[in-house]
Amino acid sequence: MYLFALAILIAPTKAYLSPVSDIKDSVRGLKNNLRVEVKQKVENIKEPKQELNQQVQEKRAELKNELDAKRAEVKDRVQAQKEELKTRLKNIKDERKKELATKINDQISALNEKMTAHFSAVLDKLENILDRISARADKAEINGKSVASVRAAVQTAKTAIENSRTAITTQTIKTYNLVIAGESTLRTDVGGARQILQSDLTAVKNAVKAAQQAVKDAAVSLAQIPNIDKEK
């Protein structure tokens, strides 16, 4: 009697075990399918992304080589203008003024070269940051998150960086030839050249600052996506 009653109690438990087991198997199957889908998405994005990154690196190297070539051309032109300045300064009797004019002329050329190189380095860093932002956006997209706003912000930042690159290239090839009208106007002539340089560098600086802000906006847009590494 007791054995019969025990059999009745156990029987329903066994009956319920089968559906639970089936559900667990189904869940495992779904998870495996999701993993396969995610892996495929990663591969689909990775290959064109790698190709695009390669193209970007090649373009950056090309731009750097072009800029280096332009800097070399500018150095030759600056040296020629320096010799011309020496000739014009022969009419200046005050040796101290002549030395000051020559020194300031050298400082102007050196400052322009230094600042354009600095701005280029800043853009290199911004591009690296933007690359990381794009990579995180890819990760978020794979995990089912909406990244449209990040993509738009990244594109805006890329445009701002390109505009800055153009401004830097234009500034790099500029030279500031001191035009000395006479000994009495020497200070004014030299000061005018310095002011022009300062104005030009400020314009380039503003372009770089705009690129910095655009990259910051892209980073803020990315930060608004919660749980990037978590599948949706």
C-alpha atoms as a PDB file:
ATOM      1  CA  MET A   1       0.000   0.000   0.000  1.00  0.00           C
ATOM      2  CA  TYR A   2       2.734   2.416   0.973  1.00  0.00           C
ATOM      3  CA  LEU A   3       4.731   1.504  -2.129  1.00  0.00           C
ATOM      4  CA  PHE A   4       1.717   2.224  -4.329  1.00  0.00           C
ATOM      5  CA  ALA A   5       1.168   5.589  -2.646  1.00  0.00           C
ATOM      6  CA  LEU A   6       4.876   6.473  -3.047  1.00  0.00           C
ATOM      7  CA  ALA A   7       4.716   5.559  -6.704  1.00  0.00           C
ATOM      8  CA  ILE A   8       1.766   7.913  -7.161  1.00  0.00           C
ATOM      9  CA  LEU A   9       3.682  10.776  -5.484  1.00  0.00           C
ATOM     10  CA  ILE A  10       6.817  10.242  -7.539  1.00  0.00           C
ATOM     11  CA  ALA A  11       5.100   9.831 -10.890  1.00  0.00           C
ATOM     12  CA  PRO A  12       3.992  13.486 -11.309  1.00  0.00           C
ATOM     13  CA  THR A  13       7.490  14.709 -10.405  1.00  0.00           C
ATOM     14  CA  LYS A  14       8.983  12.712 -13.249  1.00  0.00           C
ATOM     15  CA  ALA A  15       6.302  14.007 -15.564  1.00  0.00           C
ATOM     16  CA  TYR A  16       7.250  17.590 -14.781  1.00  0.00           C
ATOM     17  CA  LEU A  17      10.979  17.014 -15.164  1.00  0.00           C
ATOM     18  CA  SER A  18      10.744  16.412 -18.897  1.00  0.00           C
ATOM     19  CA  PRO A  19       9.234  19.819 -19.869  1.00  0.00           C
ATOM     20  CA  VAL A  20      11.693  21.690 -17.622  1.00  0.00           C
ATOM     21  CA  SER A  21      14.568  19.854 -19.237  1.00  0.00           C
ATOM     22  CA  ASP A  22      13.186  20.675 -22.677  1.00  0.00           C
ATOM     23  CA  ILE A  23      12.951  24.375 -21.773  1.00  0.00           C
ATOM     24  CA  LYS A  24      16.546  24.421 -20.563  1.00  0.00           C
ATOM     25  CA  ASP A  25      17.679  22.780 -23.771  1.00  0.00           C
ATOM     26  CA  SER A  26      15.718  25.362 -25.779  1.00  0.00           C
ATOM     27  CA  VAL A  27      17.309  28.220 -23.842  1.00  0.00           C
ATOM     28  CA  ARG A  28      20.764  26.758 -24.414  1.00  0.00           C
ATOM     29  CA  GLY A  29      19.979  26.431 -28.079  1.00  0.00           C
ATOM     30  CA  LEU A  30      18.820  30.034 -28.297  1.00  0.00           C
ATOM     31  CA  LYS A  31      21.948  31.266 -26.528  1.00  0.00           C
ATOM     32  CA  ASN A  32      24.148  29.255 -28.872  1.00  0.00           C
ATOM     33  CA  ASN A  33      22.284  30.649 -31.866  1.00  0.00           C
ATOM     34  CA  LEU A  34      22.699  34.182 -30.531  1.00  0.00           C
ATOM     35  CA  ARG A  35      26.407  33.630 -30.024  1.00  0.00           C
ATOM     36  CA  VAL A  36      26.728  32.433 -33.606  1.00  0.00           C
ATOM     37  CA  GLU A  37      24.748  35.433 -34.873  1.00  0.00           C
ATOM     38  CA  VAL A  38      26.825  37.879 -32.851  1.00  0.00           C
ATOM     39  CA  LYS A  39      30.042  36.257 -34.016  1.00  0.00           C
ATOM     40  CA  GLN A  40      28.877  36.541 -37.602  1.00  0.00           C
ATOM     41  CA  LYS A  41      27.997  40.197 -37.088  1.00  0.00           C
ATOM     42  CA  VAL A  42      31.446  40.811 -35.672  1.00  0.00           C
ATOM     43  CA  GLU A  43      33.076  39.160 -38.659  1.00  0.00           C
ATOM     44  CA  ASN A  44      30.852  41.082 -41.076  1.00  0.00           C
ATOM     45  CA  ILE A  45      31.898  44.351 -39.482  1.00  0.00           C
ATOM     46  CA  LYS A  46      35.524  43.439 -38.795  1.00  0.00           C
ATOM     47  CA  GLU A  47      36.639  42.728 -42.370  1.00  0.00           C
ATOM     48  CA  PRO A  48      35.444  45.977 -44.001  1.00  0.00           C
ATOM     49  CA  LYS A  49      36.479  47.856 -40.868  1.00  0.00           C
ATOM     50  CA  GLN A  50      40.023  46.501 -41.084  1.00  0.00           C
ATOM     51  CA  GLU A  51      40.179  47.423 -44.750  1.00  0.00           C
ATOM     52  CA  LEU A  52      38.893  50.922 -43.958  1.00  0.00           C
ATOM     53  CA  ASN A  53      41.419  51.326 -41.137  1.00  0.00           C
ATOM     54  CA  GLN A  54      44.194  50.343 -43.506  1.00  0.00           C
ATOM     55  CA  GLN A  55      43.024  52.950 -46.002  1.00  0.00           C
ATOM     56  CA  VAL A  56      42.851  55.581 -43.264  1.00  0.00           C
ATOM     57  CA  GLN A  57      46.383  54.784 -42.084  1.00  0.00           C
ATOM     58  CA  GLU A  58      47.687  54.982 -45.644  1.00  0.00           C
ATOM     59  CA  LYS A  59      45.937  58.326 -46.147  1.00  0.00           C
ATOM     60  CA  ARG A  60      47.397  59.703 -42.916  1.00  0.00           C
ATOM     61  CA  ALA A  61      50.886  58.599 -43.940  1.00  0.00           C
ATOM     62  CA  GLU A  62      50.403  60.212 -47.343  1.00  0.00           C
ATOM     63  CA  LEU A  63      49.281  63.496 -45.765  1.00  0.00           C
ATOM     64  CA  LYS A  64      52.243  63.425 -43.363  1.00  0.00           C
ATOM     65  CA  ASN A  65      54.685  62.914 -46.228  1.00  0.00           C
ATOM     66  CA  GLU A  66      53.111  65.767 -48.169  1.00  0.00           C
ATOM     67  CA  LEU A  67      53.327  68.041 -45.150  1.00  0.00           C
ATOM     68  CA  ASP A  68      56.982  67.109 -44.544  1.00  0.00           C
ATOM     69  CA  ALA A  69      57.746  67.885 -48.190  1.00  0.00           C
ATOM     70  CA  LYS A  70      56.045  71.267 -47.885  1.00  0.00           C
ATOM     71  CA  ARG A  71      58.014  72.029 -44.722  1.00  0.00           C
ATOM     72  CA  ALA A  72      61.247  71.296 -46.599  1.00  0.00           C
ATOM     73  CA  GLU A  73      60.187  73.658 -49.394  1.00  0.00           C
ATOM     74  CA  VAL A  74      59.335  76.356 -46.865  1.00  0.00           C
ATOM     75  CA  LYS A  75      62.749  76.056 -45.212  1.00  0.00           C
ATOM     76  CA  ASP A  76      64.437  76.701 -48.548  1.00  0.00           C
ATOM     77  CA  ARG A  77      62.188  79.706 -49.172  1.00  0.00           C
ATOM     78  CA  VAL A  78      62.761  81.069 -45.667  1.00  0.00           C
ATOM     79  CA  GLN A  79      66.515  80.793 -46.125  1.00  0.00           C
ATOM     80  CA  ALA A  80      66.307  82.705 -49.404  1.00  0.00           C
ATOM     81  CA  GLN A  81      64.204  85.431 -47.768  1.00  0.00           C
ATOM     82  CA  LYS A  82      66.691  85.611 -44.925  1.00  0.00           C
ATOM     83  CA  GLU A  83      69.457  86.437 -47.380  1.00  0.00           C
ATOM     84  CA  GLU A  84      67.237  89.072 -48.992  1.00  0.00           C
ATOM     85  CA  LEU A  85      66.596  90.586 -45.574  1.00  0.00           C
ATOM     86  CA  LYS A  86      70.317  90.878 -44.933  1.00  0.00           C
ATOM     87  CA  THR A  87      70.670  92.830 -48.150  1.00  0.00           C
ATOM     88  CA  ARG A  88      67.823  95.205 -47.252  1.00  0.00           C
ATOM     89  CA  LEU A  89      69.188  95.708 -43.742  1.00  0.00           C
ATOM     90  CA  LYS A  90      72.471  97.052 -45.122  1.00  0.00           C
ATOM     91  CA  ASN A  91      70.775 100.421 -45.363  1.00  0.00           C
ATOM     92  CA  ILE A  92      70.149 100.375 -41.614  1.00  0.00           C
ATOM     93  CA  LYS A  93      73.023 101.996 -39.761  1.00  0.00           C
ATOM     94  CA  ASP A  94      72.026 100.989 -36.233  1.00  0.00           C
ATOM     95  CA  GLU A  95      73.630  97.564 -35.725  1.00  0.00           C
ATOM     96  CA  ARG A  96      71.419  96.788 -32.734  1.00  0.00           C
ATOM     97  CA  LYS A  97      68.284  97.328 -34.818  1.00  0.00           C
ATOM     98  CA  LYS A  98      69.677  95.155 -37.602  1.00  0.00           C
ATOM     99  CA  GLU A  99      70.385  92.318 -35.176  1.00  0.00           C
ATOM    100  CA  LEU A 100      66.924  92.673 -33.635  1.00  0.00           C
ATOM    101  CA  ALA A 101      65.228  92.544 -37.040  1.00  0.00           C
ATOM    102  CA  THR A 102      67.182  89.445 -38.023  1.00  0.00           C
ATOM    103  CA  LYS A 103      66.405  87.751 -34.703  1.00  0.00           C
ATOM    104  CA  ILE A 104      62.688  88.484 -34.932  1.00  0.00           C
ATOM    105  CA  ASN A 105      62.596  87.249 -38.515  1.00  0.00           C
ATOM    106  CA  ASP A 106      64.107  83.934 -37.384  1.00  0.00           C
ATOM    107  CA  GLN A 107      61.694  83.747 -34.430  1.00  0.00           C
ATOM    108  CA  ILE A 108      58.684  84.235 -36.693  1.00  0.00           C
ATOM    109  CA  SER A 109      59.713  81.356 -38.967  1.00  0.00           C
ATOM    110  CA  ALA A 110      60.578  79.089 -36.025  1.00  0.00           C
ATOM    111  CA  LEU A 111      57.324  79.862 -34.216  1.00  0.00           C
ATOM    112  CA  ASN A 112      55.230  79.100 -37.284  1.00  0.00           C
ATOM    113  CA  GLU A 113      56.998  75.787 -37.774  1.00  0.00           C
ATOM    114  CA  LYS A 114      56.695  74.886 -34.088  1.00  0.00           C
ATOM    115  CA  MET A 115      52.995  75.725 -33.809  1.00  0.00           C
ATOM    116  CA  THR A 116      51.920  73.994 -37.017  1.00  0.00           C
ATOM    117  CA  ALA A 117      53.784  70.860 -35.892  1.00  0.00           C
ATOM    118  CA  HIS A 118      52.053  71.122 -32.502  1.00  0.00           C
ATOM    119  CA  PHE A 119      48.628  71.471 -34.078  1.00  0.00           C
ATOM    120  CA  SER A 120      49.303  68.471 -36.313  1.00  0.00           C
ATOM    121  CA  ALA A 121      50.226  66.381 -33.269  1.00  0.00           C
ATOM    122  CA  VAL A 122      46.993  67.431 -31.543  1.00  0.00           C
ATOM    123  CA  LEU A 123      44.972  66.287 -34.552  1.00  0.00           C
ATOM    124  CA  ASP A 124      46.805  62.950 -34.562  1.00  0.00           C
ATOM    125  CA  LYS A 125      45.694  62.390 -30.966  1.00  0.00           C
ATOM    126  CA  LEU A 126      42.136  63.441 -31.767  1.00  0.00           C
ATOM    127  CA  GLU A 127      42.003  60.980 -34.648  1.00  0.00           C
ATOM    128  CA  ASN A 128      43.179  58.178 -32.366  1.00  0.00           C
ATOM    129  CA  ILE A 129      40.472  59.052 -29.832  1.00  0.00           C
ATOM    130  CA  LEU A 130      37.882  59.128 -32.607  1.00  0.00           C
ATOM    131  CA  ASP A 131      39.020  55.698 -33.788  1.00  0.00           C
ATOM    132  CA  ARG A 132      38.407  54.311 -30.300  1.00  0.00           C
ATOM    133  CA  ILE A 133      34.986  55.940 -30.186  1.00  0.00           C
ATOM    134  CA  SER A 134      34.094  54.343 -33.522  1.00  0.00           C
ATOM    135  CA  ALA A 135      35.291  50.950 -32.280  1.00  0.00           C
ATOM    136  CA  ARG A 136      33.096  51.242 -29.179  1.00  0.00           C
ATOM    137  CA  ALA A 137      30.165  52.259 -31.366  1.00  0.00           C
ATOM    138  CA  ASP A 138      30.734  49.118 -33.433  1.00  0.00           C
ATOM    139  CA  LYS A 139      30.619  47.068 -30.251  1.00  0.00           C
ATOM    140  CA  ALA A 140      27.411  48.750 -29.161  1.00  0.00           C
ATOM    141  CA  GLU A 141      25.805  48.161 -32.551  1.00  0.00           C
ATOM    142  CA  ILE A 142      26.725  44.482 -32.473  1.00  0.00           C
ATOM    143  CA  ASN A 143      25.025  44.218 -29.092  1.00  0.00           C
ATOM    144  CA  GLY A 144      21.813  45.671 -30.492  1.00  0.00           C
ATOM    145  CA  LYS A 145      22.172  49.292 -29.364  1.00  0.00           C
ATOM    146  CA  SER A 146      21.213  52.299 -31.475  1.00  0.00           C
ATOM    147  CA  VAL A 147      24.347  54.213 -32.493  1.00  0.00           C
ATOM    148  CA  ALA A 148      22.925  56.614 -35.107  1.00  0.00           C
ATOM    149  CA  SER A 149      23.683  59.700 -32.994  1.00  0.00           C
ATOM    150  CA  VAL A 150      27.247  58.523 -32.356  1.00  0.00           C
ATOM    151  CA  ARG A 151      27.830  57.849 -36.064  1.00  0.00           C
ATOM    152  CA  ALA A 152      26.603  61.356 -36.903  1.00  0.00           C
ATOM    153  CA  ALA A 153      28.825  62.921 -34.237  1.00  0.00           C
ATOM    154  CA  VAL A 154      31.848  60.934 -35.432  1.00  0.00           C
ATOM    155  CA  GLN A 155      31.286  62.102 -39.005  1.00  0.00           C
ATOM    156  CA  THR A 156      31.019  65.708 -37.832  1.00  0.00           C
ATOM    157  CA  ALA A 157      34.288  65.291 -35.938  1.00  0.00           C
ATOM    158  CA  LYS A 158      35.986  63.789 -38.991  1.00  0.00           C
ATOM    159  CA  THR A 159      34.936  66.783 -41.077  1.00  0.00           C
ATOM    160  CA  ALA A 160      36.218  69.185 -38.417  1.00  0.00           C
ATOM    161  CA  ILE A 161      39.565  67.369 -38.319  1.00  0.00           C
ATOM    162  CA  GLU A 162      39.842  67.476 -42.115  1.00  0.00           C
ATOM    163  CA  ASN A 163      39.145  71.211 -42.070  1.00  0.00           C
ATOM    164  CA  SER A 164      41.834  71.649 -39.427  1.00  0.00           C
ATOM    165  CA  ARG A 165      44.306  69.646 -41.510  1.00  0.00           C
ATOM    166  CA  THR A 166      43.657  71.931 -44.447  1.00  0.00           C
ATOM    167  CA  ALA A 167      44.157  75.015 -42.275  1.00  0.00           C
ATOM    168  CA  ILE A 168      47.443  73.625 -40.923  1.00  0.00           C
ATOM    169  CA  THR A 169      48.741  72.788 -44.396  1.00  0.00           C
ATOM    170  CA  THR A 170      47.897  76.294 -45.601  1.00  0.00           C
ATOM    171  CA  GLN A 171      49.629  77.804 -42.584  1.00  0.00           C
ATOM    172  CA  THR A 172      52.680  75.567 -42.941  1.00  0.00           C
ATOM    173  CA  ILE A 173      53.552  76.884 -46.393  1.00  0.00           C
ATOM    174  CA  LYS A 174      53.206  80.530 -45.358  1.00  0.00           C
ATOM    175  CA  THR A 175      56.287  82.660 -44.942  1.00  0.00           C
ATOM    176  CA  TYR A 176      56.538  86.120 -43.416  1.00  0.00           C
ATOM    177  CA  ASN A 177      58.924  88.250 -45.392  1.00  0.00           C
ATOM    178  CA  LEU A 178      59.850  91.361 -43.448  1.00  0.00           C
ATOM    179  CA  VAL A 179      59.442  94.444 -45.608  1.00  0.00           C
ATOM    180  CA  ILE A 180      61.647  97.168 -44.160  1.00  0.00           C
ATOM    181  CA  ALA A 181      60.658 100.600 -45.403  1.00  0.00           C
ATOM    182  CA  GLY A 182      63.439 102.352 -43.546  1.00  0.00           C
ATOM    183  CA  GLU A 183      65.246 102.724 -40.267  1.00  0.00           C
ATOM    184  CA  SER A 184      62.579 104.993 -38.802  1.00  0.00           C
ATOM    185  CA  THR A 185      59.801 102.456 -39.471  1.00  0.00           C
ATOM    186  CA  LEU A 186      61.774  99.346 -38.603  1.00  0.00           C
ATOM    187  CA  ARG A 187      59.964  98.675 -35.319  1.00  0.00           C
ATOM    188  CA  THR A 188      56.555  99.102 -36.938  1.00  0.00           C
ATOM    189  CA  ASP A 189      57.470  96.900 -39.900  1.00  0.00           C
ATOM    190  CA  VAL A 190      58.702  94.087 -37.665  1.00  0.00           C
ATOM    191  CA  GLY A 191      55.725  94.407 -35.328  1.00  0.00           C
ATOM    192  CA  GLY A 192      53.318  94.198 -38.260  1.00  0.00           C
ATOM    193  CA  ALA A 193      54.771  90.870 -39.404  1.00  0.00           C
ATOM    194  CA  ARG A 194      54.458  89.447 -35.896  1.00  0.00           C
ATOM    195  CA  GLN A 195      50.835  90.526 -35.655  1.00  0.00           C
ATOM    196  CA  ILE A 196      50.005  88.888 -38.985  1.00  0.00           C
ATOM    197  CA  LEU A 197      51.576  85.625 -37.808  1.00  0.00           C
ATOM    198  CA  GLN A 198      49.681  85.777 -34.522  1.00  0.00           C
ATOM    199  CA  SER A 199      46.405  86.353 -36.340  1.00  0.00           C
ATOM    200  CA  ASP A 200      47.038  83.446 -38.712  1.00  0.00           C
ATOM    201  CA  LEU A 201      47.991  81.069 -35.894  1.00  0.00           C
ATOM    202  CA  THR A 202      44.893  82.065 -33.934  1.00  0.00           C
ATOM    203  CA  ALA A 203      42.718  81.112 -36.914  1.00  0.00           C
ATOM    204  CA  VAL A 204      44.368  77.676 -37.082  1.00  0.00           C
ATOM    205  CA  LYS A 205      44.062  77.275 -33.315  1.00  0.00           C
ATOM    206  CA  ASN A 206      40.331  77.987 -33.510  1.00  0.00           C
ATOM    207  CA  ALA A 207      39.935  75.326 -36.211  1.00  0.00           C
ATOM    208  CA  VAL A 208      41.738  72.790 -34.012  1.00  0.00           C
ATOM    209  CA  LYS A 209      39.602  73.763 -31.010  1.00  0.00           C
ATOM    210  CA  ALA A 210      36.505  73.158 -33.123  1.00  0.00           C
ATOM    211  CA  ALA A 211      37.828  69.681 -33.928  1.00  0.00           C
ATOM    212  CA  GLN A 212      38.496  69.044 -30.230  1.00  0.00           C
ATOM    213  CA  GLN A 213      34.930  70.034 -29.362  1.00  0.00           C
ATOM    214  CA  ALA A 214      33.523  67.821 -32.121  1.00  0.00           C
ATOM    215  CA  VAL A 215      35.454  64.808 -30.819  1.00  0.00           C
ATOM    216  CA  LYS A 216      34.283  65.614 -27.286  1.00  0.00           C
ATOM    217  CA  ASP A 217      30.677  65.709 -28.539  1.00  0.00           C
ATOM    218  CA  ALA A 218      31.167  62.272 -30.117  1.00  0.00           C
ATOM    219  CA  ALA A 219      32.517  60.918 -26.831  1.00  0.00           C
ATOM    220  CA  VAL A 220      29.557  62.368 -24.912  1.00  0.00           C
ATOM    221  CA  SER A 221      27.144  60.809 -27.411  1.00  0.00           C
ATOM    222  CA  LEU A 222      28.822  57.431 -26.946  1.00  0.00           C
ATOM    223  CA  ALA A 223      28.689  57.758 -23.145  1.00  0.00           C
ATOM    224  CA  GLN A 224      24.904  58.065 -23.325  1.00  0.00           C
ATOM    225  CA  ILE A 225      24.620  54.475 -24.544  1.00  0.00           C
ATOM    226  CA  PRO A 226      24.215  52.242 -21.473  1.00  0.00           C
ATOM    227  CA  ASN A 227      25.835  48.819 -21.100  1.00  0.00           C
ATOM    228  CA  ILE A 228      27.718  48.857 -24.381  1.00  0.00           C
ATOM    229  CA  ASP A 229      29.339  45.494 -23.692  1.00  0.00           C
ATOM    230  CA  LYS A 230      26.084  43.846 -22.729  1.00  0.00           C
ATOM    231  CA  GLU A 231      23.928  42.114 -25.310  1.00  0.00           C
ATOM    232  CA  LYS A 232      20.465  43.595 -25.661  1.00  0.00           C
END
